[in-house]
Amino acid sequence: VNNYLDPEGIFVFDFNTTYKYKEVIGDSVIAENREESSFI
């Protein structure tokens, strides 16, 4: 990224934190059902 940015170009990004994976998602099962598709 640094190599391909213009001089003083800007890099904006996000990331999920360790806190989210450990405390919010953890070991869980999420499911969603729509008319044409669903997932687990």
Full PDB file with SEQRES, HELIX, SHEET, SSBOND, CRYST1, ORIGX, SCALE, CONECT and MASTER records, all heavy atoms in Angstrom:
SEQRES   1 A   40  VAL ASN ASN TYR LEU ASP PRO GLU GLY ILE PHE VAL PHE          
SEQRES   2 A   40  ASP PHE ASN THR THR TYR LYS TYR LYS GLU VAL ILE GLY          
SEQRES   3 A   40  ASP SER VAL ILE ALA GLU ASN ARG GLU GLU SER SER PHE          
SEQRES   4 A   40  ILE                                                          
HELIX    1 AA1 THR A   18  TYR A   19  1                                   2    
HELIX    2 AA2 LYS A   20  ILE A   25  3                                   6    
CRYST1    1.000    1.000    1.000  90.00  90.00  90.00 P 1           1          
ORIGX1      1.000000  0.000000  0.000000        0.00000                         
ORIGX2      0.000000  1.000000  0.000000        0.00000                         
ORIGX3      0.000000  0.000000  1.000000        0.00000                         
SCALE1      1.000000  0.000000  0.000000        0.00000                         
SCALE2      0.000000  1.000000  0.000000        0.00000                         
SCALE3      0.000000  0.000000  1.000000        0.00000                         
ATOM      1  N   VAL A   1       0.840  -1.198   0.000  1.00  0.00           N  
ATOM      2  CA  VAL A   1       0.000   0.000   0.000  1.00  0.00           C  
ATOM      3  C   VAL A   1       0.872   1.243   0.000  1.00  0.00           C  
ATOM      4  O   VAL A   1       0.658   2.181  -0.790  1.00  0.00           O  
ATOM      5  CB  VAL A   1      -0.948  -0.002   1.222  1.00  0.00           C  
ATOM      6  CG1 VAL A   1      -1.633   1.359   1.373  1.00  0.00           C  
ATOM      7  CG2 VAL A   1      -1.988  -1.104   1.092  1.00  0.00           C  
ATOM      8  N   ASN A   2       1.869   1.263   0.869  1.00  0.00           N  
ATOM      9  CA  ASN A   2       2.777   2.416   0.942  1.00  0.00           C  
ATOM     10  C   ASN A   2       3.486   2.639  -0.387  1.00  0.00           C  
ATOM     11  O   ASN A   2       3.672   3.776  -0.834  1.00  0.00           O  
ATOM     12  CB  ASN A   2       3.793   2.200   2.056  1.00  0.00           C  
ATOM     13  CG  ASN A   2       4.573   3.458   2.397  1.00  0.00           C  
ATOM     14  OD1 ASN A   2       3.997   4.524   2.565  1.00  0.00           O  
ATOM     15  ND2 ASN A   2       5.883   3.333   2.497  1.00  0.00           N  
ATOM     16  N   ASN A   3       3.846   1.554  -1.048  1.00  0.00           N  
ATOM     17  CA  ASN A   3       4.567   1.640  -2.317  1.00  0.00           C  
ATOM     18  C   ASN A   3       3.698   2.238  -3.429  1.00  0.00           C  
ATOM     19  O   ASN A   3       4.192   3.005  -4.266  1.00  0.00           O  
ATOM     20  CB  ASN A   3       5.032   0.247  -2.736  1.00  0.00           C  
ATOM     21  CG  ASN A   3       5.797   0.242  -4.042  1.00  0.00           C  
ATOM     22  OD1 ASN A   3       6.835   0.886  -4.167  1.00  0.00           O  
ATOM     23  ND2 ASN A   3       5.281  -0.476  -5.037  1.00  0.00           N  
ATOM     24  N   TYR A   4       2.395   1.901  -3.432  1.00  0.00           N  
ATOM     25  CA  TYR A   4       1.518   2.326  -4.527  1.00  0.00           C  
ATOM     26  C   TYR A   4       0.717   3.591  -4.228  1.00  0.00           C  
ATOM     27  O   TYR A   4      -0.096   4.009  -5.055  1.00  0.00           O  
ATOM     28  CB  TYR A   4       0.577   1.187  -4.917  1.00  0.00           C  
ATOM     29  CG  TYR A   4       1.277   0.111  -5.716  1.00  0.00           C  
ATOM     30  CD1 TYR A   4       1.541  -1.140  -5.151  1.00  0.00           C  
ATOM     31  CD2 TYR A   4       1.703   0.348  -7.021  1.00  0.00           C  
ATOM     32  CE1 TYR A   4       2.187  -2.129  -5.872  1.00  0.00           C  
ATOM     33  CE2 TYR A   4       2.351  -0.638  -7.748  1.00  0.00           C  
ATOM     34  CZ  TYR A   4       2.596  -1.871  -7.173  1.00  0.00           C  
ATOM     35  OH  TYR A   4       3.245  -2.848  -7.887  1.00  0.00           O  
ATOM     36  N   LEU A   5       0.934   4.194  -3.064  1.00  0.00           N  
ATOM     37  CA  LEU A   5       0.281   5.468  -2.777  1.00  0.00           C  
ATOM     38  C   LEU A   5       1.088   6.631  -3.337  1.00  0.00           C  
ATOM     39  O   LEU A   5       2.323   6.611  -3.336  1.00  0.00           O  
ATOM     40  CB  LEU A   5       0.134   5.656  -1.259  1.00  0.00           C  
ATOM     41  CG  LEU A   5      -1.056   4.986  -0.583  1.00  0.00           C  
ATOM     42  CD1 LEU A   5      -0.939   5.119   0.938  1.00  0.00           C  
ATOM     43  CD2 LEU A   5      -2.376   5.580  -1.059  1.00  0.00           C  
ATOM     44  N   ASP A   6       0.370   7.651  -3.807  1.00  0.00           N  
ATOM     45  CA  ASP A   6       1.035   8.910  -4.148  1.00  0.00           C  
ATOM     46  C   ASP A   6       1.758   9.451  -2.919  1.00  0.00           C  
ATOM     47  O   ASP A   6       1.429   9.076  -1.786  1.00  0.00           O  
ATOM     48  CB  ASP A   6      -0.009   9.957  -4.585  1.00  0.00           C  
ATOM     49  CG  ASP A   6      -0.563   9.693  -5.972  1.00  0.00           C  
ATOM     50  OD1 ASP A   6      -0.014   8.838  -6.686  1.00  0.00           O  
ATOM     51  OD2 ASP A   6      -1.576  10.335  -6.326  1.00  0.00           O  
ATOM     52  N   PRO A   7       2.727  10.352  -3.110  1.00  0.00           N  
ATOM     53  CA  PRO A   7       3.340  11.008  -1.949  1.00  0.00           C  
ATOM     54  C   PRO A   7       2.271  11.608  -1.038  1.00  0.00           C  
ATOM     55  O   PRO A   7       1.389  12.336  -1.490  1.00  0.00           O  
ATOM     56  CB  PRO A   7       4.208  12.091  -2.583  1.00  0.00           C  
ATOM     57  CG  PRO A   7       4.564  11.535  -3.922  1.00  0.00           C  
ATOM     58  CD  PRO A   7       3.338  10.792  -4.383  1.00  0.00           C  
ATOM     59  N   GLU A   8       2.328  11.226   0.229  1.00  0.00           N  
ATOM     60  CA  GLU A   8       1.371  11.656   1.243  1.00  0.00           C  
ATOM     61  C   GLU A   8      -0.062  11.207   0.944  1.00  0.00           C  
ATOM     62  O   GLU A   8      -1.031  11.790   1.431  1.00  0.00           O  
ATOM     63  CB  GLU A   8       1.427  13.173   1.454  1.00  0.00           C  
ATOM     64  CG  GLU A   8       2.788  13.651   1.925  1.00  0.00           C  
ATOM     65  CD  GLU A   8       2.796  15.113   2.307  1.00  0.00           C  
ATOM     66  OE1 GLU A   8       1.767  15.786   2.147  1.00  0.00           O  
ATOM     67  OE2 GLU A   8       3.838  15.580   2.786  1.00  0.00           O  
ATOM     68  N   GLY A   9      -0.182  10.135   0.153  1.00  0.00           N  
ATOM     69  CA  GLY A   9      -1.503   9.554  -0.101  1.00  0.00           C  
ATOM     70  C   GLY A   9      -2.078   8.944   1.163  1.00  0.00           C  
ATOM     71  O   GLY A   9      -1.379   8.671   2.142  1.00  0.00           O  
ATOM     72  N   ILE A  10      -3.394   8.695   1.131  1.00  0.00           N  
ATOM     73  CA  ILE A  10      -4.130   8.268   2.321  1.00  0.00           C  
ATOM     74  C   ILE A  10      -4.569   6.804   2.206  1.00  0.00           C  
ATOM     75  O   ILE A  10      -5.008   6.352   1.143  1.00  0.00           O  
ATOM     76  CB  ILE A  10      -5.359   9.167   2.536  1.00  0.00           C  
ATOM     77  CG1 ILE A  10      -4.918  10.599   2.810  1.00  0.00           C  
ATOM     78  CG2 ILE A  10      -6.214   8.662   3.701  1.00  0.00           C  
ATOM     79  CD1 ILE A  10      -4.055  10.770   4.037  1.00  0.00           C  
ATOM     80  N   PHE A  11      -4.461   6.095   3.306  1.00  0.00           N  
ATOM     81  CA  PHE A  11      -4.916   4.706   3.414  1.00  0.00           C  
ATOM     82  C   PHE A  11      -5.933   4.645   4.550  1.00  0.00           C  
ATOM     83  O   PHE A  11      -5.632   4.986   5.691  1.00  0.00           O  
ATOM     84  CB  PHE A  11      -3.720   3.806   3.715  1.00  0.00           C  
ATOM     85  CG  PHE A  11      -4.032   2.340   3.884  1.00  0.00           C  
ATOM     86  CD1 PHE A  11      -5.080   1.727   3.215  1.00  0.00           C  
ATOM     87  CD2 PHE A  11      -3.227   1.547   4.709  1.00  0.00           C  
ATOM     88  CE1 PHE A  11      -5.353   0.379   3.360  1.00  0.00           C  
ATOM     89  CE2 PHE A  11      -3.485   0.187   4.860  1.00  0.00           C  
ATOM     90  CZ  PHE A  11      -4.542  -0.393   4.196  1.00  0.00           C  
ATOM     91  N   VAL A  12      -7.169   4.214   4.218  1.00  0.00           N  
ATOM     92  CA  VAL A  12      -8.212   4.064   5.227  1.00  0.00           C  
ATOM     93  C   VAL A  12      -8.722   2.624   5.179  1.00  0.00           C  
ATOM     94  O   VAL A  12      -9.081   2.121   4.118  1.00  0.00           O  
ATOM     95  CB  VAL A  12      -9.388   5.041   4.988  1.00  0.00           C  
ATOM     96  CG1 VAL A  12     -10.407   4.914   6.132  1.00  0.00           C  
ATOM     97  CG2 VAL A  12      -8.899   6.478   4.882  1.00  0.00           C  
ATOM     98  N   PHE A  13      -8.748   1.992   6.329  1.00  0.00           N  
ATOM     99  CA  PHE A  13      -9.182   0.601   6.391  1.00  0.00           C  
ATOM    100  C   PHE A  13      -9.869   0.339   7.721  1.00  0.00           C  
ATOM    101  O   PHE A  13      -9.804   1.140   8.654  1.00  0.00           O  
ATOM    102  CB  PHE A  13      -7.988  -0.346   6.216  1.00  0.00           C  
ATOM    103  CG  PHE A  13      -6.917  -0.203   7.271  1.00  0.00           C  
ATOM    104  CD1 PHE A  13      -6.915  -1.004   8.411  1.00  0.00           C  
ATOM    105  CD2 PHE A  13      -5.904   0.741   7.128  1.00  0.00           C  
ATOM    106  CE1 PHE A  13      -5.933  -0.862   9.379  1.00  0.00           C  
ATOM    107  CE2 PHE A  13      -4.911   0.878   8.087  1.00  0.00           C  
ATOM    108  CZ  PHE A  13      -4.930   0.080   9.225  1.00  0.00           C  
ATOM    109  N   ASP A  14     -10.546  -0.803   7.789  1.00  0.00           N  
ATOM    110  CA  ASP A  14     -11.131  -1.215   9.059  1.00  0.00           C  
ATOM    111  C   ASP A  14     -10.702  -2.643   9.372  1.00  0.00           C  
ATOM    112  O   ASP A  14     -10.142  -3.350   8.528  1.00  0.00           O  
ATOM    113  CB  ASP A  14     -12.661  -1.077   9.034  1.00  0.00           C  
ATOM    114  CG  ASP A  14     -13.367  -2.131   8.175  1.00  0.00           C  
ATOM    115  OD1 ASP A  14     -12.671  -2.945   7.521  1.00  0.00           O  
ATOM    116  OD2 ASP A  14     -14.601  -2.138   8.136  1.00  0.00           O  
ATOM    117  N   PHE A  15     -10.953  -3.053  10.603  1.00  0.00           N  
ATOM    118  CA  PHE A  15     -10.680  -4.432  10.994  1.00  0.00           C  
ATOM    119  C   PHE A  15     -11.566  -4.797  12.179  1.00  0.00           C  
ATOM    120  O   PHE A  15     -11.936  -3.947  12.991  1.00  0.00           O  
ATOM    121  CB  PHE A  15      -9.202  -4.638  11.342  1.00  0.00           C  
ATOM    122  CG  PHE A  15      -8.722  -3.853  12.536  1.00  0.00           C  
ATOM    123  CD1 PHE A  15      -8.688  -4.427  13.806  1.00  0.00           C  
ATOM    124  CD2 PHE A  15      -8.289  -2.545  12.389  1.00  0.00           C  
ATOM    125  CE1 PHE A  15      -8.242  -3.698  14.900  1.00  0.00           C  
ATOM    126  CE2 PHE A  15      -7.823  -1.813  13.481  1.00  0.00           C  
ATOM    127  CZ  PHE A  15      -7.815  -2.389  14.749  1.00  0.00           C  
ATOM    128  N   ASN A  16     -11.930  -6.075  12.226  1.00  0.00           N  
ATOM    129  CA  ASN A  16     -12.627  -6.605  13.392  1.00  0.00           C  
ATOM    130  C   ASN A  16     -11.606  -6.834  14.498  1.00  0.00           C  
ATOM    131  O   ASN A  16     -10.515  -7.367  14.254  1.00  0.00           O  
ATOM    132  CB  ASN A  16     -13.321  -7.922  13.061  1.00  0.00           C  
ATOM    133  CG  ASN A  16     -14.597  -7.722  12.283  1.00  0.00           C  
ATOM    134  OD1 ASN A  16     -15.226  -6.675  12.352  1.00  0.00           O  
ATOM    135  ND2 ASN A  16     -14.996  -8.740  11.535  1.00  0.00           N  
ATOM    136  N   THR A  17     -11.959  -6.452  15.700  1.00  0.00           N  
ATOM    137  CA  THR A  17     -11.020  -6.546  16.813  1.00  0.00           C  
ATOM    138  C   THR A  17     -11.031  -7.940  17.448  1.00  0.00           C  
ATOM    139  O   THR A  17     -11.978  -8.716  17.290  1.00  0.00           O  
ATOM    140  CB  THR A  17     -11.370  -5.523  17.889  1.00  0.00           C  
ATOM    141  OG1 THR A  17     -12.685  -5.826  18.410  1.00  0.00           O  
ATOM    142  CG2 THR A  17     -11.359  -4.107  17.332  1.00  0.00           C  
ATOM    143  N   THR A  18      -9.969  -8.208  18.191  1.00  0.00           N  
ATOM    144  CA  THR A  18      -9.907  -9.436  18.977  1.00  0.00           C  
ATOM    145  C   THR A  18     -11.087  -9.507  19.934  1.00  0.00           C  
ATOM    146  O   THR A  18     -11.671 -10.580  20.140  1.00  0.00           O  
ATOM    147  CB  THR A  18      -8.585  -9.488  19.763  1.00  0.00           C  
ATOM    148  OG1 THR A  18      -7.496  -9.429  18.843  1.00  0.00           O  
ATOM    149  CG2 THR A  18      -8.482 -10.765  20.584  1.00  0.00           C  
ATOM    150  N   TYR A  19     -11.472  -8.370  20.487  1.00  0.00           N  
ATOM    151  CA  TYR A  19     -12.609  -8.317  21.409  1.00  0.00           C  
ATOM    152  C   TYR A  19     -13.881  -8.851  20.733  1.00  0.00           C  
ATOM    153  O   TYR A  19     -14.641  -9.615  21.337  1.00  0.00           O  
ATOM    154  CB  TYR A  19     -12.839  -6.878  21.878  1.00  0.00           C  
ATOM    155  CG  TYR A  19     -14.106  -6.697  22.686  1.00  0.00           C  
ATOM    156  CD1 TYR A  19     -14.125  -6.943  24.052  1.00  0.00           C  
ATOM    157  CD2 TYR A  19     -15.298  -6.294  22.071  1.00  0.00           C  
ATOM    158  CE1 TYR A  19     -15.288  -6.802  24.794  1.00  0.00           C  
ATOM    159  CE2 TYR A  19     -16.467  -6.148  22.803  1.00  0.00           C  
ATOM    160  CZ  TYR A  19     -16.460  -6.407  24.160  1.00  0.00           C  
ATOM    161  OH  TYR A  19     -17.617  -6.266  24.881  1.00  0.00           O  
ATOM    162  N   LYS A  20     -14.116  -8.464  19.500  1.00  0.00           N  
ATOM    163  CA  LYS A  20     -15.332  -8.904  18.803  1.00  0.00           C  
ATOM    164  C   LYS A  20     -15.365 -10.416  18.643  1.00  0.00           C  
ATOM    165  O   LYS A  20     -16.378 -11.065  18.925  1.00  0.00           O  
ATOM    166  CB  LYS A  20     -15.435  -8.229  17.438  1.00  0.00           C  
ATOM    167  CG  LYS A  20     -16.651  -8.681  16.629  1.00  0.00           C  
ATOM    168  CD  LYS A  20     -16.779  -7.937  15.320  1.00  0.00           C  
ATOM    169  CE  LYS A  20     -18.019  -8.381  14.555  1.00  0.00           C  
ATOM    170  NZ  LYS A  20     -18.182  -7.622  13.289  1.00  0.00           N  
ATOM    171  N   TYR A  21     -14.244 -10.983  18.175  1.00  0.00           N  
ATOM    172  CA  TYR A  21     -14.218 -12.424  17.955  1.00  0.00           C  
ATOM    173  C   TYR A  21     -14.345 -13.190  19.264  1.00  0.00           C  
ATOM    174  O   TYR A  21     -15.039 -14.209  19.336  1.00  0.00           O  
ATOM    175  CB  TYR A  21     -12.933 -12.827  17.235  1.00  0.00           C  
ATOM    176  CG  TYR A  21     -12.876 -12.386  15.795  1.00  0.00           C  
ATOM    177  CD1 TYR A  21     -11.850 -11.557  15.343  1.00  0.00           C  
ATOM    178  CD2 TYR A  21     -13.834 -12.788  14.878  1.00  0.00           C  
ATOM    179  CE1 TYR A  21     -11.790 -11.140  14.024  1.00  0.00           C  
ATOM    180  CE2 TYR A  21     -13.778 -12.386  13.548  1.00  0.00           C  
ATOM    181  CZ  TYR A  21     -12.756 -11.557  13.132  1.00  0.00           C  
ATOM    182  OH  TYR A  21     -12.701 -11.150  11.822  1.00  0.00           O  
ATOM    183  N   LYS A  22     -13.689 -12.700  20.296  1.00  0.00           N  
ATOM    184  CA  LYS A  22     -13.664 -13.426  21.573  1.00  0.00           C  
ATOM    185  C   LYS A  22     -14.940 -13.237  22.374  1.00  0.00           C  
ATOM    186  O   LYS A  22     -15.520 -14.207  22.873  1.00  0.00           O  
ATOM    187  CB  LYS A  22     -12.461 -12.962  22.396  1.00  0.00           C  
ATOM    188  CG  LYS A  22     -12.316 -13.672  23.740  1.00  0.00           C  
ATOM    189  CD  LYS A  22     -11.075 -13.188  24.474  1.00  0.00           C  
ATOM    190  CE  LYS A  22     -10.933 -13.882  25.824  1.00  0.00           C  
ATOM    191  NZ  LYS A  22      -9.720 -13.408  26.565  1.00  0.00           N  
ATOM    192  N   GLU A  23     -15.395 -11.992  22.514  1.00  0.00           N  
ATOM    193  CA  GLU A  23     -16.488 -11.685  23.437  1.00  0.00           C  
ATOM    194  C   GLU A  23     -17.861 -11.584  22.782  1.00  0.00           C  
ATOM    195  O   GLU A  23     -18.878 -11.780  23.443  1.00  0.00           O  
ATOM    196  CB  GLU A  23     -16.187 -10.367  24.169  1.00  0.00           C  
ATOM    197  CG  GLU A  23     -14.861 -10.352  24.917  1.00  0.00           C  
ATOM    198  CD  GLU A  23     -14.820 -11.333  26.079  1.00  0.00           C  
ATOM    199  OE1 GLU A  23     -15.909 -11.780  26.526  1.00  0.00           O  
ATOM    200  OE2 GLU A  23     -13.717 -11.669  26.534  1.00  0.00           O  
ATOM    201  N   VAL A  24     -17.913 -11.247  21.498  1.00  0.00           N  
ATOM    202  CA  VAL A  24     -19.207 -11.014  20.850  1.00  0.00           C  
ATOM    203  C   VAL A  24     -19.645 -12.217  20.010  1.00  0.00           C  
ATOM    204  O   VAL A  24     -20.775 -12.702  20.146  1.00  0.00           O  
ATOM    205  CB  VAL A  24     -19.158  -9.744  19.972  1.00  0.00           C  
ATOM    206  CG1 VAL A  24     -20.512  -9.506  19.301  1.00  0.00           C  
ATOM    207  CG2 VAL A  24     -18.764  -8.534  20.815  1.00  0.00           C  
ATOM    208  N   ILE A  25     -18.753 -12.689  19.142  1.00  0.00           N  
ATOM    209  CA  ILE A  25     -19.124 -13.821  18.283  1.00  0.00           C  
ATOM    210  C   ILE A  25     -18.843 -15.147  18.990  1.00  0.00           C  
ATOM    211  O   ILE A  25     -19.720 -15.972  19.175  1.00  0.00           O  
ATOM    212  CB  ILE A  25     -18.380 -13.766  16.931  1.00  0.00           C  
ATOM    213  CG1 ILE A  25     -18.642 -12.438  16.221  1.00  0.00           C  
ATOM    214  CG2 ILE A  25     -18.826 -14.923  16.043  1.00  0.00           C  
ATOM    215  CD1 ILE A  25     -17.902 -12.275  14.924  1.00  0.00           C  
ATOM    216  N   GLY A  26     -17.574 -15.338  19.375  1.00  0.00           N  
ATOM    217  CA  GLY A  26     -17.190 -16.539  20.111  1.00  0.00           C  
ATOM    218  C   GLY A  26     -17.575 -17.819  19.410  1.00  0.00           C  
ATOM    219  O   GLY A  26     -17.520 -17.924  18.182  1.00  0.00           O  
ATOM    220  N   ASP A  27     -17.961 -18.815  20.197  1.00  0.00           N  
ATOM    221  CA  ASP A  27     -18.466 -20.075  19.651  1.00  0.00           C  
ATOM    222  C   ASP A  27     -19.982 -19.955  19.579  1.00  0.00           C  
ATOM    223  O   ASP A  27     -20.678 -20.027  20.597  1.00  0.00           O  
ATOM    224  CB  ASP A  27     -18.063 -21.252  20.542  1.00  0.00           C  
ATOM    225  CG  ASP A  27     -16.558 -21.489  20.531  1.00  0.00           C  
ATOM    226  OD1 ASP A  27     -15.892 -21.015  19.590  1.00  0.00           O  
ATOM    227  OD2 ASP A  27     -16.054 -22.129  21.469  1.00  0.00           O  
ATOM    228  N   SER A  28     -20.488 -19.762  18.383  1.00  0.00           N  
ATOM    229  CA  SER A  28     -21.916 -19.522  18.235  1.00  0.00           C  
ATOM    230  C   SER A  28     -22.394 -20.028  16.878  1.00  0.00           C  
ATOM    231  O   SER A  28     -21.594 -20.337  15.996  1.00  0.00           O  
ATOM    232  CB  SER A  28     -22.234 -18.025  18.369  1.00  0.00           C  
ATOM    233  OG  SER A  28     -21.571 -17.284  17.358  1.00  0.00           O  
ATOM    234  N   VAL A  29     -23.696 -20.076  16.739  1.00  0.00           N  
ATOM    235  CA  VAL A  29     -24.313 -20.459  15.473  1.00  0.00           C  
ATOM    236  C   VAL A  29     -25.291 -19.353  15.073  1.00  0.00           C  
ATOM    237  O   VAL A  29     -26.114 -18.922  15.871  1.00  0.00           O  
ATOM    238  CB  VAL A  29     -25.067 -21.800  15.579  1.00  0.00           C  
ATOM    239  CG1 VAL A  29     -25.753 -22.130  14.250  1.00  0.00           C  
ATOM    240  CG2 VAL A  29     -24.123 -22.917  15.988  1.00  0.00           C  
ATOM    241  N   ILE A  30     -25.147 -18.887  13.839  1.00  0.00           N  
ATOM    242  CA  ILE A  30     -26.016 -17.844  13.304  1.00  0.00           C  
ATOM    243  C   ILE A  30     -26.721 -18.409  12.079  1.00  0.00           C  
ATOM    244  O   ILE A  30     -26.081 -19.060  11.241  1.00  0.00           O  
ATOM    245  CB  ILE A  30     -25.200 -16.594  12.908  1.00  0.00           C  
ATOM    246  CG1 ILE A  30     -24.393 -16.083  14.099  1.00  0.00           C  
ATOM    247  CG2 ILE A  30     -26.116 -15.496  12.363  1.00  0.00           C  
ATOM    248  CD1 ILE A  30     -23.337 -15.048  13.722  1.00  0.00           C  
ATOM    249  N   ALA A  31     -27.999 -18.170  11.970  1.00  0.00           N  
ATOM    250  CA  ALA A  31     -28.757 -18.668  10.810  1.00  0.00           C  
ATOM    251  C   ALA A  31     -29.693 -17.586  10.316  1.00  0.00           C  
ATOM    252  O   ALA A  31     -30.186 -16.763  11.087  1.00  0.00           O  
ATOM    253  CB  ALA A  31     -29.536 -19.921  11.180  1.00  0.00           C  
ATOM    254  N   GLU A  32     -29.895 -17.576   9.009  1.00  0.00           N  
ATOM    255  CA  GLU A  32     -30.817 -16.611   8.418  1.00  0.00           C  
ATOM    256  C   GLU A  32     -31.507 -17.253   7.233  1.00  0.00           C  
ATOM    257  O   GLU A  32     -30.869 -17.942   6.429  1.00  0.00           O  
ATOM    258  CB  GLU A  32     -30.080 -15.345   7.994  1.00  0.00           C  
ATOM    259  CG  GLU A  32     -31.021 -14.232   7.552  1.00  0.00           C  
ATOM    260  CD  GLU A  32     -30.306 -12.894   7.391  1.00  0.00           C  
ATOM    261  OE1 GLU A  32     -29.201 -12.737   7.948  1.00  0.00           O  
ATOM    262  OE2 GLU A  32     -30.855 -12.031   6.678  1.00  0.00           O  
ATOM    263  N   ASN A  33     -32.789 -17.018   7.132  1.00  0.00           N  
ATOM    264  CA  ASN A  33     -33.585 -17.631   6.062  1.00  0.00           C  
ATOM    265  C   ASN A  33     -34.250 -16.546   5.225  1.00  0.00           C  
ATOM    266  O   ASN A  33     -34.912 -15.666   5.755  1.00  0.00           O  
ATOM    267  CB  ASN A  33     -34.646 -18.558   6.673  1.00  0.00           C  
ATOM    268  CG  ASN A  33     -35.410 -19.320   5.613  1.00  0.00           C  
ATOM    269  OD1 ASN A  33     -34.840 -19.738   4.613  1.00  0.00           O  
ATOM    270  ND2 ASN A  33     -36.705 -19.494   5.826  1.00  0.00           N  
ATOM    271  N   ARG A  34     -34.035 -16.594   3.924  1.00  0.00           N  
ATOM    272  CA  ARG A  34     -34.707 -15.690   2.983  1.00  0.00           C  
ATOM    273  C   ARG A  34     -35.542 -16.535   2.023  1.00  0.00           C  
ATOM    274  O   ARG A  34     -35.448 -17.764   1.996  1.00  0.00           O  
ATOM    275  CB  ARG A  34     -33.677 -14.878   2.203  1.00  0.00           C  
ATOM    276  CG  ARG A  34     -32.743 -14.020   3.071  1.00  0.00           C  
ATOM    277  CD  ARG A  34     -33.446 -12.844   3.700  1.00  0.00           C  
ATOM    278  NE  ARG A  34     -32.529 -12.025   4.487  1.00  0.00           N  
ATOM    279  CZ  ARG A  34     -31.925 -10.924   4.036  1.00  0.00           C  
ATOM    280  NH1 ARG A  34     -32.148 -10.524   2.789  1.00  0.00           N  
ATOM    281  NH2 ARG A  34     -31.120 -10.230   4.811  1.00  0.00           N  
ATOM    282  N   GLU A  35     -36.318 -15.873   1.192  1.00  0.00           N  
ATOM    283  CA  GLU A  35     -37.220 -16.605   0.302  1.00  0.00           C  
ATOM    284  C   GLU A  35     -36.466 -17.485  -0.690  1.00  0.00           C  
ATOM    285  O   GLU A  35     -36.880 -18.615  -0.966  1.00  0.00           O  
ATOM    286  CB  GLU A  35     -38.106 -15.615  -0.456  1.00  0.00           C  
ATOM    287  CG  GLU A  35     -39.151 -16.292  -1.332  1.00  0.00           C  
ATOM    288  CD  GLU A  35     -40.086 -15.292  -1.998  1.00  0.00           C  
ATOM    289  OE1 GLU A  35     -40.095 -14.107  -1.582  1.00  0.00           O  
ATOM    290  OE2 GLU A  35     -40.784 -15.692  -2.927  1.00  0.00           O  
ATOM    291  N   GLU A  36     -35.369 -16.961  -1.244  1.00  0.00           N  
ATOM    292  CA  GLU A  36     -34.651 -17.701  -2.284  1.00  0.00           C  
ATOM    293  C   GLU A  36     -33.378 -18.370  -1.776  1.00  0.00           C  
ATOM    294  O   GLU A  36     -32.730 -19.108  -2.519  1.00  0.00           O  
ATOM    295  CB  GLU A  36     -34.284 -16.750  -3.436  1.00  0.00           C  
ATOM    296  CG  GLU A  36     -35.483 -16.107  -4.122  1.00  0.00           C  
ATOM    297  CD  GLU A  36     -36.371 -17.139  -4.815  1.00  0.00           C  
ATOM    298  OE1 GLU A  36     -35.833 -18.132  -5.342  1.00  0.00           O  
ATOM    299  OE2 GLU A  36     -37.596 -16.950  -4.816  1.00  0.00           O  
ATOM    300  N   SER A  37     -32.991 -18.110  -0.526  1.00  0.00           N  
ATOM    301  CA  SER A  37     -31.751 -18.671  -0.014  1.00  0.00           C  
ATOM    302  C   SER A  37     -31.725 -18.589   1.506  1.00  0.00           C  
ATOM    303  O   SER A  37     -32.486 -17.832   2.115  1.00  0.00           O  
ATOM    304  CB  SER A  37     -30.540 -17.913  -0.593  1.00  0.00           C  
ATOM    305  OG  SER A  37     -30.650 -16.522  -0.330  1.00  0.00           O  
ATOM    306  N   SER A  38     -30.859 -19.372   2.107  1.00  0.00           N  
ATOM    307  CA  SER A  38     -30.669 -19.334   3.556  1.00  0.00           C  
ATOM    308  C   SER A  38     -29.248 -19.784   3.861  1.00  0.00           C  
ATOM    309  O   SER A  38     -28.564 -20.360   3.004  1.00  0.00           O  
ATOM    310  CB  SER A  38     -31.680 -20.245   4.255  1.00  0.00           C  
ATOM    311  OG  SER A  38     -31.496 -21.592   3.853  1.00  0.00           O  
ATOM    312  N   PHE A  39     -28.785 -19.476   5.069  1.00  0.00           N  
ATOM    313  CA  PHE A  39     -27.449 -19.922   5.446  1.00  0.00           C  
ATOM    314  C   PHE A  39     -27.385 -20.262   6.932  1.00  0.00           C  
ATOM    315  O   PHE A  39     -28.174 -19.760   7.742  1.00  0.00           O  
ATOM    316  CB  PHE A  39     -26.372 -18.887   5.089  1.00  0.00           C  
ATOM    317  CG  PHE A  39     -26.291 -17.702   6.024  1.00  0.00           C  
ATOM    318  CD1 PHE A  39     -25.542 -17.777   7.196  1.00  0.00           C  
ATOM    319  CD2 PHE A  39     -26.940 -16.520   5.725  1.00  0.00           C  
ATOM    320  CE1 PHE A  39     -25.458 -16.694   8.050  1.00  0.00           C  
ATOM    321  CE2 PHE A  39     -26.860 -15.430   6.575  1.00  0.00           C  
ATOM    322  CZ  PHE A  39     -26.120 -15.518   7.752  1.00  0.00           C  
ATOM    323  N   ILE A  40     -26.423 -21.109   7.274  1.00  0.00           N  
ATOM    324  CA  ILE A  40     -26.091 -21.426   8.657  1.00  0.00           C  
ATOM    325  C   ILE A  40     -24.609 -21.105   8.835  1.00  0.00           C  
ATOM    326  O   ILE A  40     -23.766 -21.572   8.067  1.00  0.00           O  
ATOM    327  CB  ILE A  40     -26.347 -22.908   8.987  1.00  0.00           C  
ATOM    328  CG1 ILE A  40     -27.820 -23.252   8.740  1.00  0.00           C  
ATOM    329  CG2 ILE A  40     -25.962 -23.215  10.433  1.00  0.00           C  
ATOM    330  CD1 ILE A  40     -28.100 -24.744   8.829  1.00  0.00           C  
TER     331      ILE A  40                                                      
MASTER        0    0    0    2    0    0    0    6  330    1    0    4          
END                                                                             
